[in-house]
């Protein structure tokens, strides 16, 4: 019975290690392939009144159309906001909101990026 449990435990640990390796590989490949899509903070007078900066999506590669899904976090809790933003050939910056609100801090994370057909 102990051998079965140890075998099960070692299999479970191997599966966990494999899962982490696959996720790490996928994350680094996504980051490398779409490294031209980033979250950037810029100064904004309205946000400065709330002691924050404007958070925007930035596309540093012109001529590429992409769809970006973004998640919003308020006071370190993920909100139900899951928004889609489209970069076409003309726009290079999409404002998302202030990093600080009257109610608390917020930030965004990039959920996914997909290249669009022309």
PDB file of N, CA and C in Angstrom:
ATOM      1  N   UNK A   1       0.812  -1.170   0.000  1.00  0.00           N
ATOM      2  CA  UNK A   1       0.000   0.000   0.000  1.00  0.00           C
ATOM      3  C   UNK A   1       0.875   1.262   0.000  1.00  0.00           C
ATOM      4  N   UNK A   2       1.980   1.246   0.736  1.00  0.00           N
ATOM      5  CA  UNK A   2       2.885   2.399   0.768  1.00  0.00           C
ATOM      6  C   UNK A   2       3.537   2.592  -0.592  1.00  0.00           C
ATOM      7  N   UNK A   3       3.887   1.493  -1.268  1.00  0.00           N
ATOM      8  CA  UNK A   3       4.498   1.609  -2.599  1.00  0.00           C
ATOM      9  C   UNK A   3       3.525   2.244  -3.589  1.00  0.00           C
ATOM     10  N   UNK A   4       2.273   1.883  -3.483  1.00  0.00           N
ATOM     11  CA  UNK A   4       1.273   2.454  -4.389  1.00  0.00           C
ATOM     12  C   UNK A   4       1.151   3.954  -4.128  1.00  0.00           C
ATOM     13  N   UNK A   5       1.104   4.358  -2.881  1.00  0.00           N
ATOM     14  CA  UNK A   5       0.984   5.776  -2.558  1.00  0.00           C
ATOM     15  C   UNK A   5       2.217   6.550  -2.999  1.00  0.00           C
ATOM     16  N   UNK A   6       3.419   5.987  -2.804  1.00  0.00           N
ATOM     17  CA  UNK A   6       4.640   6.655  -3.243  1.00  0.00           C
ATOM     18  C   UNK A   6       4.677   6.760  -4.760  1.00  0.00           C
ATOM     19  N   UNK A   7       4.259   5.709  -5.427  1.00  0.00           N
ATOM     20  CA  UNK A   7       4.215   5.723  -6.883  1.00  0.00           C
ATOM     21  C   UNK A   7       3.220   6.775  -7.366  1.00  0.00           C
ATOM     22  N   UNK A   8       2.073   6.821  -6.726  1.00  0.00           N
ATOM     23  CA  UNK A   8       1.056   7.806  -7.074  1.00  0.00           C
ATOM     24  C   UNK A   8       1.585   9.217  -6.836  1.00  0.00           C
ATOM     25  N   UNK A   9       2.243   9.423  -5.707  1.00  0.00           N
ATOM     26  CA  UNK A   9       2.802  10.728  -5.366  1.00  0.00           C
ATOM     27  C   UNK A   9       3.887  11.152  -6.358  1.00  0.00           C
ATOM     28  N   UNK A  10       4.750  10.231  -6.724  1.00  0.00           N
ATOM     29  CA  UNK A  10       5.806  10.572  -7.686  1.00  0.00           C
ATOM     30  C   UNK A  10       5.207  10.877  -9.060  1.00  0.00           C
ATOM     31  N   UNK A  11       4.169  10.158  -9.445  1.00  0.00           N
ATOM     32  CA  UNK A  11       3.493  10.439 -10.717  1.00  0.00           C
ATOM     33  C   UNK A  11       2.826  11.807 -10.682  1.00  0.00           C
ATOM     34  N   UNK A  12       2.207  12.115  -9.560  1.00  0.00           N
ATOM     35  CA  UNK A  12       1.552  13.402  -9.406  1.00  0.00           C
ATOM     36  C   UNK A  12       2.569  14.546  -9.458  1.00  0.00           C
ATOM     37  N   UNK A  13       3.706  14.371  -8.812  1.00  0.00           N
ATOM     38  CA  UNK A  13       4.761  15.391  -8.848  1.00  0.00           C
ATOM     39  C   UNK A  13       5.332  15.557 -10.252  1.00  0.00           C
ATOM     40  N   UNK A  14       5.497  14.471 -10.954  1.00  0.00           N
ATOM     41  CA  UNK A  14       5.991  14.541 -12.334  1.00  0.00           C
ATOM     42  C   UNK A  14       4.996  15.272 -13.222  1.00  0.00           C
ATOM     43  N   UNK A  15       3.706  14.992 -13.035  1.00  0.00           N
ATOM     44  CA  UNK A  15       2.674  15.669 -13.812  1.00  0.00           C
ATOM     45  C   UNK A  15       2.646  17.164 -13.502  1.00  0.00           C
ATOM     46  N   UNK A  16       2.793  17.501 -12.236  1.00  0.00           N
ATOM     47  CA  UNK A  16       2.835  18.900 -11.833  1.00  0.00           C
ATOM     48  C   UNK A  16       4.039  19.611 -12.455  1.00  0.00           C
ATOM     49  N   UNK A  17       5.196  18.984 -12.420  1.00  0.00           N
ATOM     50  CA  UNK A  17       6.394  19.571 -13.019  1.00  0.00           C
ATOM     51  C   UNK A  17       6.195  19.772 -14.524  1.00  0.00           C
ATOM     52  N   UNK A  18       5.612  18.770 -15.199  1.00  0.00           N
ATOM     53  CA  UNK A  18       5.367  18.860 -16.639  1.00  0.00           C
ATOM     54  C   UNK A  18       4.394  19.986 -16.952  1.00  0.00           C
ATOM     55  N   UNK A  19       3.338  20.114 -16.154  1.00  0.00           N
ATOM     56  CA  UNK A  19       2.353  21.180 -16.362  1.00  0.00           C
ATOM     57  C   UNK A  19       3.003  22.548 -16.230  1.00  0.00           C
ATOM     58  N   UNK A  20       3.823  22.725 -15.191  1.00  0.00           N
ATOM     59  CA  UNK A  20       4.507  23.998 -14.992  1.00  0.00           C
ATOM     60  C   UNK A  20       5.459  24.297 -16.146  1.00  0.00           C
ATOM     61  N   UNK A  21       6.132  23.285 -16.639  1.00  0.00           N
ATOM     62  CA  UNK A  21       7.062  23.472 -17.760  1.00  0.00           C
ATOM     63  C   UNK A  21       6.323  23.910 -19.014  1.00  0.00           C
ATOM     64  N   UNK A  22       5.184  23.280 -19.285  1.00  0.00           N
ATOM     65  CA  UNK A  22       4.391  23.627 -20.469  1.00  0.00           C
ATOM     66  C   UNK A  22       3.857  25.046 -20.347  1.00  0.00           C
ATOM     67  N   UNK A  23       3.328  25.407 -19.180  1.00  0.00           N
ATOM     68  CA  UNK A  23       2.820  26.764 -18.980  1.00  0.00           C
ATOM     69  C   UNK A  23       3.923  27.802 -19.118  1.00  0.00           C
ATOM     70  N   UNK A  24       5.075  27.522 -18.573  1.00  0.00           N
ATOM     71  CA  UNK A  24       6.204  28.442 -18.671  1.00  0.00           C
ATOM     72  C   UNK A  24       6.634  28.615 -20.122  1.00  0.00           C
ATOM     73  N   UNK A  25       6.704  27.517 -20.865  1.00  0.00           N
ATOM     74  CA  UNK A  25       7.070  27.570 -22.284  1.00  0.00           C
ATOM     75  C   UNK A  25       6.047  28.377 -23.074  1.00  0.00           C
ATOM     76  N   UNK A  26       4.752  28.123 -22.829  1.00  0.00           N
ATOM     77  CA  UNK A  26       3.698  28.831 -23.556  1.00  0.00           C
ATOM     78  C   UNK A  26       3.732  30.321 -23.248  1.00  0.00           C
ATOM     79  N   UNK A  27       3.942  30.663 -21.987  1.00  0.00           N
ATOM     80  CA  UNK A  27       3.989  32.063 -21.597  1.00  0.00           C
ATOM     81  C   UNK A  27       5.169  32.780 -22.235  1.00  0.00           C
ATOM     82  N   UNK A  28       6.338  32.148 -22.265  1.00  0.00           N
ATOM     83  CA  UNK A  28       7.505  32.804 -22.862  1.00  0.00           C
ATOM     84  C   UNK A  28       7.349  32.938 -24.367  1.00  0.00           C
ATOM     85  N   UNK A  29       6.723  31.963 -25.023  1.00  0.00           N
ATOM     86  CA  UNK A  29       6.515  32.067 -26.470  1.00  0.00           C
ATOM     87  C   UNK A  29       5.496  33.143 -26.801  1.00  0.00           C
ATOM     88  N   UNK A  30       4.426  33.253 -26.001  1.00  0.00           N
ATOM     89  CA  UNK A  30       3.443  34.305 -26.221  1.00  0.00           C
ATOM     90  C   UNK A  30       4.103  35.665 -26.034  1.00  0.00           C
ATOM     91  N   UNK A  31       4.895  35.795 -24.986  1.00  0.00           N
ATOM     92  CA  UNK A  31       5.574  37.052 -24.707  1.00  0.00           C
ATOM     93  C   UNK A  31       6.530  37.408 -25.845  1.00  0.00           C
ATOM     94  N   UNK A  32       7.283  36.434 -26.342  1.00  0.00           N
ATOM     95  CA  UNK A  32       8.238  36.699 -27.420  1.00  0.00           C
ATOM     96  C   UNK A  32       7.535  37.068 -28.719  1.00  0.00           C
ATOM     97  N   UNK A  33       6.499  36.323 -29.072  1.00  0.00           N
ATOM     98  CA  UNK A  33       5.821  36.541 -30.345  1.00  0.00           C
ATOM     99  C   UNK A  33       5.113  37.896 -30.392  1.00  0.00           C
ATOM    100  N   UNK A  34       4.544  38.314 -29.291  1.00  0.00           N
ATOM    101  CA  UNK A  34       3.792  39.568 -29.249  1.00  0.00           C
ATOM    102  C   UNK A  34       4.437  40.584 -28.309  1.00  0.00           C
ATOM    103  N   UNK A  35       5.754  40.604 -28.274  1.00  0.00           N
ATOM    104  CA  UNK A  35       6.453  41.518 -27.363  1.00  0.00           C
ATOM    105  C   UNK A  35       6.209  42.984 -27.723  1.00  0.00           C
ATOM    106  N   UNK A  36       5.700  43.249 -28.911  1.00  0.00           N
ATOM    107  CA  UNK A  36       5.423  44.626 -29.311  1.00  0.00           C
ATOM    108  C   UNK A  36       4.121  45.148 -28.700  1.00  0.00           C
ATOM    109  N   UNK A  37       3.342  44.288 -28.045  1.00  0.00           N
ATOM    110  CA  UNK A  37       2.146  44.708 -27.320  1.00  0.00           C
ATOM    111  C   UNK A  37       2.508  44.789 -25.839  1.00  0.00           C
ATOM    112  N   UNK A  38       2.356  45.967 -25.256  1.00  0.00           N
ATOM    113  CA  UNK A  38       2.741  46.157 -23.859  1.00  0.00           C
ATOM    114  C   UNK A  38       1.763  47.075 -23.143  1.00  0.00           C
ATOM    115  N   UNK A  39       1.774  46.972 -21.825  1.00  0.00           N
ATOM    116  CA  UNK A  39       1.063  47.923 -20.975  1.00  0.00           C
ATOM    117  C   UNK A  39       2.055  49.017 -20.589  1.00  0.00           C
ATOM    118  N   UNK A  40       1.681  50.277 -20.804  1.00  0.00           N
ATOM    119  CA  UNK A  40       2.572  51.387 -20.487  1.00  0.00           C
ATOM    120  C   UNK A  40       1.833  52.430 -19.648  1.00  0.00           C
ATOM    121  N   UNK A  41       2.577  53.076 -18.752  1.00  0.00           N
ATOM    122  CA  UNK A  41       2.032  54.161 -17.940  1.00  0.00           C
ATOM    123  C   UNK A  41       2.522  55.485 -18.494  1.00  0.00           C
ATOM    124  N   UNK A  42       1.607  56.425 -18.639  1.00  0.00           N
ATOM    125  CA  UNK A  42       1.969  57.770 -19.081  1.00  0.00           C
ATOM    126  C   UNK A  42       1.331  58.778 -18.134  1.00  0.00           C
ATOM    127  N   UNK A  43       1.900  59.973 -18.122  1.00  0.00           N
ATOM    128  CA  UNK A  43       1.345  61.022 -17.277  1.00  0.00           C
ATOM    129  C   UNK A  43       0.068  61.556 -17.903  1.00  0.00           C
ATOM    130  N   UNK A  44      -0.889  61.834 -17.046  1.00  0.00           N
ATOM    131  CA  UNK A  44      -2.183  62.345 -17.486  1.00  0.00           C
ATOM    132  C   UNK A  44      -2.690  63.277 -16.385  1.00  0.00           C
ATOM    133  N   UNK A  45      -3.170  64.457 -16.749  1.00  0.00           N
ATOM    134  CA  UNK A  45      -3.562  65.441 -15.744  1.00  0.00           C
ATOM    135  C   UNK A  45      -4.728  64.956 -14.885  1.00  0.00           C
ATOM    136  N   UNK A  46      -5.726  64.307 -15.486  1.00  0.00           N
ATOM    137  CA  UNK A  46      -6.851  63.786 -14.700  1.00  0.00           C
ATOM    138  C   UNK A  46      -6.395  62.701 -13.731  1.00  0.00           C
ATOM    139  N   UNK A  47      -5.518  61.814 -14.178  1.00  0.00           N
ATOM    140  CA  UNK A  47      -5.005  60.746 -13.315  1.00  0.00           C
ATOM    141  C   UNK A  47      -4.095  61.307 -12.229  1.00  0.00           C
ATOM    142  N   UNK A  48      -3.352  62.357 -12.549  1.00  0.00           N
ATOM    143  CA  UNK A  48      -2.449  62.970 -11.567  1.00  0.00           C
ATOM    144  C   UNK A  48      -3.239  63.534 -10.391  1.00  0.00           C
ATOM    145  N   UNK A  49      -4.455  64.029 -10.645  1.00  0.00           N
ATOM    146  CA  UNK A  49      -5.300  64.531  -9.558  1.00  0.00           C
ATOM    147  C   UNK A  49      -5.650  63.419  -8.572  1.00  0.00           C
ATOM    148  N   UNK A  50      -5.635  62.166  -9.043  1.00  0.00           N
ATOM    149  CA  UNK A  50      -5.927  61.006  -8.191  1.00  0.00           C
ATOM    150  C   UNK A  50      -4.639  60.316  -7.750  1.00  0.00           C
ATOM    151  N   UNK A  51      -3.503  60.994  -7.949  1.00  0.00           N
ATOM    152  CA  UNK A  51      -2.190  60.458  -7.581  1.00  0.00           C
ATOM    153  C   UNK A  51      -1.869  59.170  -8.342  1.00  0.00           C
ATOM    154  N   UNK A  52      -2.151  59.181  -9.649  1.00  0.00           N
ATOM    155  CA  UNK A  52      -1.880  58.012 -10.482  1.00  0.00           C
ATOM    156  C   UNK A  52      -1.419  58.411 -11.867  1.00  0.00           C
ATOM    157  N   UNK A  53      -1.281  57.421 -12.738  1.00  0.00           N
ATOM    158  CA  UNK A  53      -0.911  57.622 -14.139  1.00  0.00           C
ATOM    159  C   UNK A  53      -1.943  56.952 -15.032  1.00  0.00           C
ATOM    160  N   UNK A  54      -1.923  57.308 -16.300  1.00  0.00           N
ATOM    161  CA  UNK A  54      -2.794  56.650 -17.271  1.00  0.00           C
ATOM    162  C   UNK A  54      -2.140  55.343 -17.699  1.00  0.00           C
ATOM    163  N   UNK A  55      -2.890  54.247 -17.654  1.00  0.00           N
ATOM    164  CA  UNK A  55      -2.408  52.963 -18.144  1.00  0.00           C
ATOM    165  C   UNK A  55      -3.000  52.765 -19.542  1.00  0.00           C
ATOM    166  N   UNK A  56      -2.138  52.401 -20.485  1.00  0.00           N
ATOM    167  CA  UNK A  56      -2.567  52.208 -21.868  1.00  0.00           C
ATOM    168  C   UNK A  56      -1.954  50.952 -22.445  1.00  0.00           C
ATOM    169  N   UNK A  57      -2.598  50.425 -23.466  1.00  0.00           N
ATOM    170  CA  UNK A  57      -2.016  49.362 -24.277  1.00  0.00           C
ATOM    171  C   UNK A  57      -1.210  50.028 -25.373  1.00  0.00           C
ATOM    172  N   UNK A  58      -0.020  49.522 -25.627  1.00  0.00           N
ATOM    173  CA  UNK A  58       0.853  50.100 -26.642  1.00  0.00           C
ATOM    174  C   UNK A  58       1.201  49.038 -27.688  1.00  0.00           C
ATOM    175  N   UNK A  59       1.145  49.447 -28.954  1.00  0.00           N
ATOM    176  CA  UNK A  59       1.540  48.586 -30.066  1.00  0.00           C
ATOM    177  C   UNK A  59       2.697  49.271 -30.774  1.00  0.00           C
ATOM    178  N   UNK A  60       3.907  48.763 -30.580  1.00  0.00           N
ATOM    179  CA  UNK A  60       5.082  49.407 -31.167  1.00  0.00           C
ATOM    180  C   UNK A  60       5.386  48.928 -32.588  1.00  0.00           C
ATOM    181  N   UNK A  61       4.596  47.991 -33.104  1.00  0.00           N
ATOM    182  CA  UNK A  61       4.825  47.494 -34.462  1.00  0.00           C
ATOM    183  C   UNK A  61       3.702  47.992 -35.359  1.00  0.00           C
ATOM    184  N   UNK A  62       4.002  48.980 -36.179  1.00  0.00           N
ATOM    185  CA  UNK A  62       2.982  49.544 -37.053  1.00  0.00           C
ATOM    186  C   UNK A  62       2.664  48.603 -38.204  1.00  0.00           C
ATOM    187  N   UNK A  63       1.444  48.723 -38.700  1.00  0.00           N
ATOM    188  CA  UNK A  63       1.023  47.923 -39.840  1.00  0.00           C
ATOM    189  C   UNK A  63       0.532  46.537 -39.471  1.00  0.00           C
ATOM    190  N   UNK A  64       0.442  46.227 -38.173  1.00  0.00           N
ATOM    191  CA  UNK A  64      -0.028  44.921 -37.731  1.00  0.00           C
ATOM    192  C   UNK A  64      -1.343  45.102 -36.989  1.00  0.00           C
ATOM    193  N   UNK A  65      -2.365  44.359 -37.391  1.00  0.00           N
ATOM    194  CA  UNK A  65      -3.650  44.397 -36.696  1.00  0.00           C
ATOM    195  C   UNK A  65      -3.723  43.239 -35.722  1.00  0.00           C
ATOM    196  N   UNK A  66      -4.021  43.556 -34.464  1.00  0.00           N
ATOM    197  CA  UNK A  66      -4.125  42.513 -33.445  1.00  0.00           C
ATOM    198  C   UNK A  66      -5.334  42.766 -32.553  1.00  0.00           C
ATOM    199  N   UNK A  67      -5.834  41.671 -31.997  1.00  0.00           N
ATOM    200  CA  UNK A  67      -6.913  41.711 -31.014  1.00  0.00           C
ATOM    201  C   UNK A  67      -6.286  41.387 -29.656  1.00  0.00           C
ATOM    202  N   UNK A  68      -6.519  42.252 -28.682  1.00  0.00           N
ATOM    203  CA  UNK A  68      -5.936  42.068 -27.355  1.00  0.00           C
ATOM    204  C   UNK A  68      -7.060  42.014 -26.325  1.00  0.00           C
ATOM    205  N   UNK A  69      -7.073  40.950 -25.524  1.00  0.00           N
ATOM    206  CA  UNK A  69      -8.011  40.838 -24.414  1.00  0.00           C
ATOM    207  C   UNK A  69      -7.267  41.202 -23.139  1.00  0.00           C
ATOM    208  N   UNK A  70      -7.895  42.057 -22.331  1.00  0.00           N
ATOM    209  CA  UNK A  70      -7.270  42.591 -21.129  1.00  0.00           C
ATOM    210  C   UNK A  70      -8.179  42.330 -19.920  1.00  0.00           C
ATOM    211  N   UNK A  71      -7.552  41.985 -18.797  1.00  0.00           N
ATOM    212  CA  UNK A  71      -8.261  41.825 -17.530  1.00  0.00           C
ATOM    213  C   UNK A  71      -7.922  43.000 -16.620  1.00  0.00           C
ATOM    214  N   UNK A  72      -8.916  43.467 -15.856  1.00  0.00           N
ATOM    215  CA  UNK A  72      -8.696  44.580 -14.927  1.00  0.00           C
ATOM    216  C   UNK A  72      -8.714  44.052 -13.496  1.00  0.00           C
ATOM    217  N   UNK A  73      -7.820  44.603 -12.698  1.00  0.00           N
ATOM    218  CA  UNK A  73      -7.701  44.246 -11.282  1.00  0.00           C
ATOM    219  C   UNK A  73      -7.917  45.512 -10.468  1.00  0.00           C
ATOM    220  N   UNK A  74      -8.794  45.422  -9.462  1.00  0.00           N
ATOM    221  CA  UNK A  74      -9.056  46.555  -8.586  1.00  0.00           C
ATOM    222  C   UNK A  74      -8.689  46.158  -7.168  1.00  0.00           C
ATOM    223  N   UNK A  75      -7.764  46.908  -6.583  1.00  0.00           N
ATOM    224  CA  UNK A  75      -7.261  46.620  -5.244  1.00  0.00           C
ATOM    225  C   UNK A  75      -6.815  45.157  -5.133  1.00  0.00           C
ATOM    226  N   UNK A  76      -6.055  44.719  -6.159  1.00  0.00           N
ATOM    227  CA  UNK A  76      -5.468  43.376  -6.260  1.00  0.00           C
ATOM    228  C   UNK A  76      -6.491  42.241  -6.357  1.00  0.00           C
ATOM    229  N   UNK A  77      -7.720  42.556  -6.736  1.00  0.00           N
ATOM    230  CA  UNK A  77      -8.745  41.532  -6.960  1.00  0.00           C
ATOM    231  C   UNK A  77      -9.193  41.634  -8.416  1.00  0.00           C
ATOM    232  N   UNK A  78      -9.179  40.508  -9.120  1.00  0.00           N
ATOM    233  CA  UNK A  78      -9.595  40.523 -10.520  1.00  0.00           C
ATOM    234  C   UNK A  78     -11.085  40.834 -10.612  1.00  0.00           C
ATOM    235  N   UNK A  79     -11.425  41.781 -11.487  1.00  0.00           N
ATOM    236  CA  UNK A  79     -12.821  42.177 -11.667  1.00  0.00           C
ATOM    237  C   UNK A  79     -13.440  41.357 -12.807  1.00  0.00           C
ATOM    238  N   UNK A  80     -14.717  41.573 -13.033  1.00  0.00           N
ATOM    239  CA  UNK A  80     -15.403  40.885 -14.131  1.00  0.00           C
ATOM    240  C   UNK A  80     -15.081  41.517 -15.486  1.00  0.00           C
ATOM    241  N   UNK A  81     -14.375  42.642 -15.463  1.00  0.00           N
ATOM    242  CA  UNK A  81     -14.003  43.319 -16.721  1.00  0.00           C
ATOM    243  C   UNK A  81     -13.016  42.467 -17.503  1.00  0.00           C
ATOM    244  N   UNK A  82     -13.431  42.002 -18.638  1.00  0.00           N
ATOM    245  CA  UNK A  82     -12.580  41.252 -19.573  1.00  0.00           C
ATOM    246  C   UNK A  82     -12.870  41.893 -20.917  1.00  0.00           C
ATOM    247  N   UNK A  83     -12.012  42.837 -21.321  1.00  0.00           N
ATOM    248  CA  UNK A  83     -12.339  43.671 -22.475  1.00  0.00           C
ATOM    249  C   UNK A  83     -11.454  43.373 -23.679  1.00  0.00           C
ATOM    250  N   UNK A  84     -12.062  43.537 -24.847  1.00  0.00           N
ATOM    251  CA  UNK A  84     -11.356  43.312 -26.108  1.00  0.00           C
ATOM    252  C   UNK A  84     -10.990  44.661 -26.712  1.00  0.00           C
ATOM    253  N   UNK A  85      -9.746  44.761 -27.170  1.00  0.00           N
ATOM    254  CA  UNK A  85      -9.249  45.975 -27.812  1.00  0.00           C
ATOM    255  C   UNK A  85      -8.614  45.578 -29.138  1.00  0.00           C
ATOM    256  N   UNK A  86      -8.879  46.370 -30.164  1.00  0.00           N
ATOM    257  CA  UNK A  86      -8.355  46.088 -31.508  1.00  0.00           C
ATOM    258  C   UNK A  86      -7.356  47.172 -31.897  1.00  0.00           C
ATOM    259  N   UNK A  87      -6.155  46.720 -32.224  1.00  0.00           N
ATOM    260  CA  UNK A  87      -5.172  47.618 -32.834  1.00  0.00           C
ATOM    261  C   UNK A  87      -5.287  47.431 -34.338  1.00  0.00           C
ATOM    262  N   UNK A  88      -5.609  48.517 -35.043  1.00  0.00           N
ATOM    263  CA  UNK A  88      -5.606  48.444 -36.500  1.00  0.00           C
ATOM    264  C   UNK A  88      -4.325  49.088 -37.009  1.00  0.00           C
ATOM    265  N   UNK A  89      -4.284  49.409 -38.265  1.00  0.00           N
ATOM    266  CA  UNK A  89      -3.058  49.970 -38.851  1.00  0.00           C
ATOM    267  C   UNK A  89      -2.738  51.370 -38.339  1.00  0.00           C
ATOM    268  N   UNK A  90      -3.740  52.081 -37.799  1.00  0.00           N
ATOM    269  CA  UNK A  90      -3.546  53.484 -37.442  1.00  0.00           C
ATOM    270  C   UNK A  90      -3.236  53.730 -35.969  1.00  0.00           C
ATOM    271  N   UNK A  91      -3.860  52.977 -35.065  1.00  0.00           N
ATOM    272  CA  UNK A  91      -3.677  53.302 -33.654  1.00  0.00           C
ATOM    273  C   UNK A  91      -2.493  52.552 -33.039  1.00  0.00           C
ATOM    274  N   UNK A  92      -1.764  53.242 -32.184  1.00  0.00           N
ATOM    275  CA  UNK A  92      -0.611  52.634 -31.516  1.00  0.00           C
ATOM    276  C   UNK A  92      -0.738  52.687 -29.997  1.00  0.00           C
ATOM    277  N   UNK A  93      -1.763  53.393 -29.494  1.00  0.00           N
ATOM    278  CA  UNK A  93      -1.948  53.525 -28.054  1.00  0.00           C
ATOM    279  C   UNK A  93      -3.443  53.519 -27.737  1.00  0.00           C
ATOM    280  N   UNK A  94      -3.855  52.644 -26.828  1.00  0.00           N
ATOM    281  CA  UNK A  94      -5.255  52.568 -26.406  1.00  0.00           C
ATOM    282  C   UNK A  94      -5.300  52.789 -24.894  1.00  0.00           C
ATOM    283  N   UNK A  95      -5.881  53.924 -24.440  1.00  0.00           N
ATOM    284  CA  UNK A  95      -5.953  54.180 -23.006  1.00  0.00           C
ATOM    285  C   UNK A  95      -6.948  53.238 -22.316  1.00  0.00           C
ATOM    286  N   UNK A  96      -6.567  52.753 -21.127  1.00  0.00           N
ATOM    287  CA  UNK A  96      -7.429  51.847 -20.359  1.00  0.00           C
ATOM    288  C   UNK A  96      -8.040  52.539 -19.143  1.00  0.00           C
ATOM    289  N   UNK A  97      -7.263  53.365 -18.460  1.00  0.00           N
ATOM    290  CA  UNK A  97      -7.768  54.065 -17.287  1.00  0.00           C
ATOM    291  C   UNK A  97      -6.643  54.472 -16.359  1.00  0.00           C
ATOM    292  N   UNK A  98      -7.022  55.123 -15.272  1.00  0.00           N
ATOM    293  CA  UNK A  98      -6.042  55.604 -14.294  1.00  0.00           C
ATOM    294  C   UNK A  98      -5.617  54.475 -13.356  1.00  0.00           C
ATOM    295  N   UNK A  99      -4.357  54.498 -12.971  1.00  0.00           N
ATOM    296  CA  UNK A  99      -3.832  53.469 -12.066  1.00  0.00           C
ATOM    297  C   UNK A  99      -4.335  53.652 -10.640  1.00  0.00           C
ATOM    298  N   UNK A 100      -4.875  54.824 -10.368  1.00  0.00           N
ATOM    299  CA  UNK A 100      -5.432  55.076  -9.047  1.00  0.00           C
ATOM    300  C   UNK A 100      -6.775  55.764  -9.225  1.00  0.00           C
ATOM    301  N   UNK A 101      -7.769  55.318  -8.484  1.00  0.00           N
ATOM    302  CA  UNK A 101      -9.092  55.931  -8.519  1.00  0.00           C
ATOM    303  C   UNK A 101      -9.384  56.490  -7.134  1.00  0.00           C
ATOM    304  N   UNK A 102     -10.495  57.185  -6.985  1.00  0.00           N
ATOM    305  CA  UNK A 102     -10.862  57.681  -5.663  1.00  0.00           C
ATOM    306  C   UNK A 102     -11.128  56.533  -4.695  1.00  0.00           C
ATOM    307  N   UNK A 103     -11.476  55.359  -5.222  1.00  0.00           N
ATOM    308  CA  UNK A 103     -11.786  54.202  -4.378  1.00  0.00           C
ATOM    309  C   UNK A 103     -10.593  53.286  -4.124  1.00  0.00           C
ATOM    310  N   UNK A 104      -9.541  53.396  -4.926  1.00  0.00           N
ATOM    311  CA  UNK A 104      -8.373  52.536  -4.732  1.00  0.00           C
ATOM    312  C   UNK A 104      -7.576  52.334  -6.006  1.00  0.00           C
ATOM    313  N   UNK A 105      -6.502  51.561  -5.879  1.00  0.00           N
ATOM    314  CA  UNK A 105      -5.598  51.303  -7.007  1.00  0.00           C
ATOM    315  C   UNK A 105      -6.168  50.225  -7.922  1.00  0.00           C
ATOM    316  N   UNK A 106      -5.811  50.320  -9.204  1.00  0.00           N
ATOM    317  CA  UNK A 106      -6.187  49.297 -10.173  1.00  0.00           C
ATOM    318  C   UNK A 106      -5.043  49.085 -11.151  1.00  0.00           C
ATOM    319  N   UNK A 107      -5.026  47.906 -11.753  1.00  0.00           N
ATOM    320  CA  UNK A 107      -4.041  47.620 -12.800  1.00  0.00           C
ATOM    321  C   UNK A 107      -4.669  46.639 -13.789  1.00  0.00           C
ATOM    322  N   UNK A 108      -3.979  46.430 -14.887  1.00  0.00           N
ATOM    323  CA  UNK A 108      -4.473  45.570 -15.950  1.00  0.00           C
ATOM    324  C   UNK A 108      -3.425  44.525 -16.283  1.00  0.00           C
ATOM    325  N   UNK A 109      -3.879  43.397 -16.796  1.00  0.00           N
ATOM    326  CA  UNK A 109      -2.982  42.365 -17.312  1.00  0.00           C
ATOM    327  C   UNK A 109      -3.478  41.958 -18.696  1.00  0.00           C
ATOM    328  N   UNK A 110      -2.541  41.593 -19.549  1.00  0.00           N
ATOM    329  CA  UNK A 110      -2.895  41.132 -20.891  1.00  0.00           C
ATOM    330  C   UNK A 110      -3.259  39.654 -20.789  1.00  0.00           C
ATOM    331  N   UNK A 111      -4.468  39.333 -21.210  1.00  0.00           N
ATOM    332  CA  UNK A 111      -4.941  37.949 -21.151  1.00  0.00           C
ATOM    333  C   UNK A 111      -4.515  37.179 -22.407  1.00  0.00           C
ATOM    334  N   UNK A 112      -4.735  37.783 -23.578  1.00  0.00           N
ATOM    335  CA  UNK A 112      -4.354  37.104 -24.821  1.00  0.00           C
ATOM    336  C   UNK A 112      -4.183  38.121 -25.939  1.00  0.00           C
ATOM    337  N   UNK A 113      -3.408  37.715 -26.935  1.00  0.00           N
ATOM    338  CA  UNK A 113      -3.174  38.544 -28.124  1.00  0.00           C
ATOM    339  C   UNK A 113      -3.310  37.630 -29.345  1.00  0.00           C
ATOM    340  N   UNK A 114      -4.023  38.122 -30.345  1.00  0.00           N
ATOM    341  CA  UNK A 114      -4.222  37.335 -31.572  1.00  0.00           C
ATOM    342  C   UNK A 114      -4.033  38.241 -32.774  1.00  0.00           C
ATOM    343  N   UNK A 115      -3.212  37.798 -33.707  1.00  0.00           N
ATOM    344  CA  UNK A 115      -3.000  38.555 -34.936  1.00  0.00           C
ATOM    345  C   UNK A 115      -4.241  38.418 -35.807  1.00  0.00           C
ATOM    346  N   UNK A 116      -4.679  39.527 -36.389  1.00  0.00           N
ATOM    347  CA  UNK A 116      -5.861  39.528 -37.241  1.00  0.00           C
ATOM    348  C   UNK A 116      -5.457  39.513 -38.711  1.00  0.00           C
ATOM    349  N   UNK A 117      -6.272  38.862 -39.514  1.00  0.00           N
ATOM    350  CA  UNK A 117      -6.020  38.817 -40.964  1.00  0.00           C
ATOM    351  C   UNK A 117      -6.316  40.179 -41.558  1.00  0.00           C
ATOM    352  N   UNK A 118      -5.576  40.530 -42.562  1.00  0.00           N
ATOM    353  CA  UNK A 118      -5.768  41.852 -43.197  1.00  0.00           C
ATOM    354  C   UNK A 118      -6.957  41.828 -44.108  1.00  0.00           C
TER     355      UNK A 118
END
